[in-house]
Amino acid sequence: MVDHAAQDLAYLDDLSHDGEVATLPVRQFDGSVEQILTTHLTQWPFADNGEAYISVDADGSGECNAYHGAAGLAFADQLVAHAERIRRLVHVLN
């Protein structure tokens, strides 16, 4: 159970719950590591529908897209297909 008493919320609609974060670390040309495809479950329980969804920040900008239900699964399937294309490229090198 989460205690929200310490949060300074003007309205109940401002209350949100976020789940465990999953990110994909990608090494850059300068040696730094960029975190991309930051994904977690999100719910705004007092919003209009209060439905939980997958929140995806593609580029680390903080701007997220919401994927509900089947759209979240379709997004995951696209990631798997992309990984398979990368594997095929790597096999060309070997």
Protein backbone atom coordinates (compact mmCIF):
# COMPACT_ATOMS: atom_id res chain seq x y z
CA MET A 1 0.00 0.00 0.00
CA VAL A 2 1.31 3.43 -0.94
CA ASP A 3 0.79 6.37 1.41
CA HIS A 4 0.22 9.54 -0.63
CA ALA A 5 -0.24 11.82 2.40
CA ALA A 6 3.20 13.44 1.93
CA GLN A 7 2.52 14.35 -1.72
CA ASP A 8 1.36 17.87 -2.50
CA LEU A 9 -1.58 17.02 -4.75
CA ALA A 10 -3.99 19.79 -5.67
CA TYR A 11 -6.53 17.35 -7.10
CA LEU A 12 -7.10 13.61 -6.88
CA ASP A 13 -6.73 13.53 -10.68
CA ASP A 14 -3.02 14.36 -10.14
CA LEU A 15 -2.44 11.06 -8.34
CA SER A 16 -0.73 8.35 -10.41
CA HIS A 17 0.82 4.96 -9.81
CA ASP A 18 3.84 3.71 -11.79
CA GLY A 19 5.20 0.18 -11.87
CA GLU A 20 8.71 -1.17 -12.25
CA VAL A 21 10.70 0.52 -15.03
CA ALA A 22 12.32 -1.39 -17.90
CA THR A 23 14.83 0.41 -20.14
CA LEU A 24 17.14 -0.51 -22.97
CA PRO A 25 20.68 0.85 -22.47
CA VAL A 26 22.38 1.75 -25.77
CA ARG A 27 26.08 2.70 -25.91
CA GLN A 28 26.75 5.86 -27.93
CA PHE A 29 29.78 6.67 -30.11
CA ASP A 30 31.33 8.76 -27.31
CA GLY A 31 31.08 5.88 -24.81
CA SER A 32 28.10 7.27 -22.94
CA VAL A 33 25.01 5.14 -22.44
CA GLU A 34 21.58 6.35 -23.48
CA GLN A 35 18.49 4.82 -21.87
CA ILE A 36 15.81 4.32 -24.52
CA LEU A 37 12.42 2.65 -24.66
CA THR A 38 11.76 3.35 -20.99
CA THR A 39 8.60 1.41 -20.23
CA HIS A 40 6.41 0.90 -17.18
CA LEU A 41 2.83 0.30 -16.14
CA THR A 42 0.97 3.49 -15.28
CA GLN A 43 -2.43 4.20 -13.79
CA TRP A 44 -4.19 7.43 -12.94
CA PRO A 45 -6.88 5.93 -10.65
CA PHE A 46 -8.98 9.09 -10.39
CA ALA A 47 -8.82 10.06 -14.07
CA ASP A 48 -11.82 9.59 -16.35
CA ASN A 49 -11.41 5.86 -16.96
CA GLY A 50 -8.62 5.02 -14.48
CA GLU A 51 -7.44 2.17 -16.71
CA ALA A 52 -3.83 0.98 -16.37
CA TYR A 53 -1.65 1.05 -19.49
CA ILE A 54 1.90 0.58 -20.74
CA SER A 55 3.74 3.92 -20.83
CA VAL A 56 6.63 4.16 -23.32
CA ASP A 57 9.22 6.95 -23.48
CA ALA A 58 10.99 6.09 -26.73
CA ASP A 59 13.92 8.51 -26.60
CA GLY A 60 14.40 9.58 -22.99
CA SER A 61 12.68 12.92 -23.51
CA GLY A 62 10.08 12.28 -20.82
CA GLU A 63 7.30 12.34 -23.41
CA CYS A 64 5.38 9.08 -23.16
CA ASN A 65 2.88 7.28 -25.33
CA ALA A 66 0.15 5.14 -23.76
CA TYR A 67 -0.49 1.64 -25.07
CA HIS A 68 -3.71 0.02 -23.82
CA GLY A 69 -4.44 -3.71 -24.00
CA ALA A 70 -3.84 -5.18 -27.45
CA ALA A 71 -1.83 -2.12 -28.53
CA GLY A 72 0.75 -2.89 -25.83
CA LEU A 73 1.07 -6.46 -27.04
CA ALA A 74 1.37 -5.27 -30.66
CA PHE A 75 4.16 -2.89 -29.59
CA ALA A 76 5.98 -5.76 -27.84
CA ASP A 77 5.60 -7.89 -30.99
CA GLN A 78 7.17 -5.07 -33.03
CA LEU A 79 10.14 -5.03 -30.64
CA VAL A 80 10.61 -8.78 -31.05
CA ALA A 81 10.49 -8.43 -34.85
CA HIS A 82 13.02 -5.59 -34.70
CA ALA A 83 15.35 -7.71 -32.55
CA GLU A 84 15.10 -10.52 -35.11
CA ARG A 85 16.08 -8.11 -37.90
CA ILE A 86 19.11 -7.02 -35.84
CA ARG A 87 20.07 -10.68 -35.33
CA ARG A 88 19.93 -11.26 -39.11
CA LEU A 89 22.22 -8.27 -39.66
CA VAL A 90 24.70 -9.58 -37.09
CA HIS A 91 24.70 -13.03 -38.73
CA VAL A 92 25.76 -11.37 -42.00
CA LEU A 93 28.91 -10.20 -40.20
CA ASN A 94 29.83 -13.69 -38.99
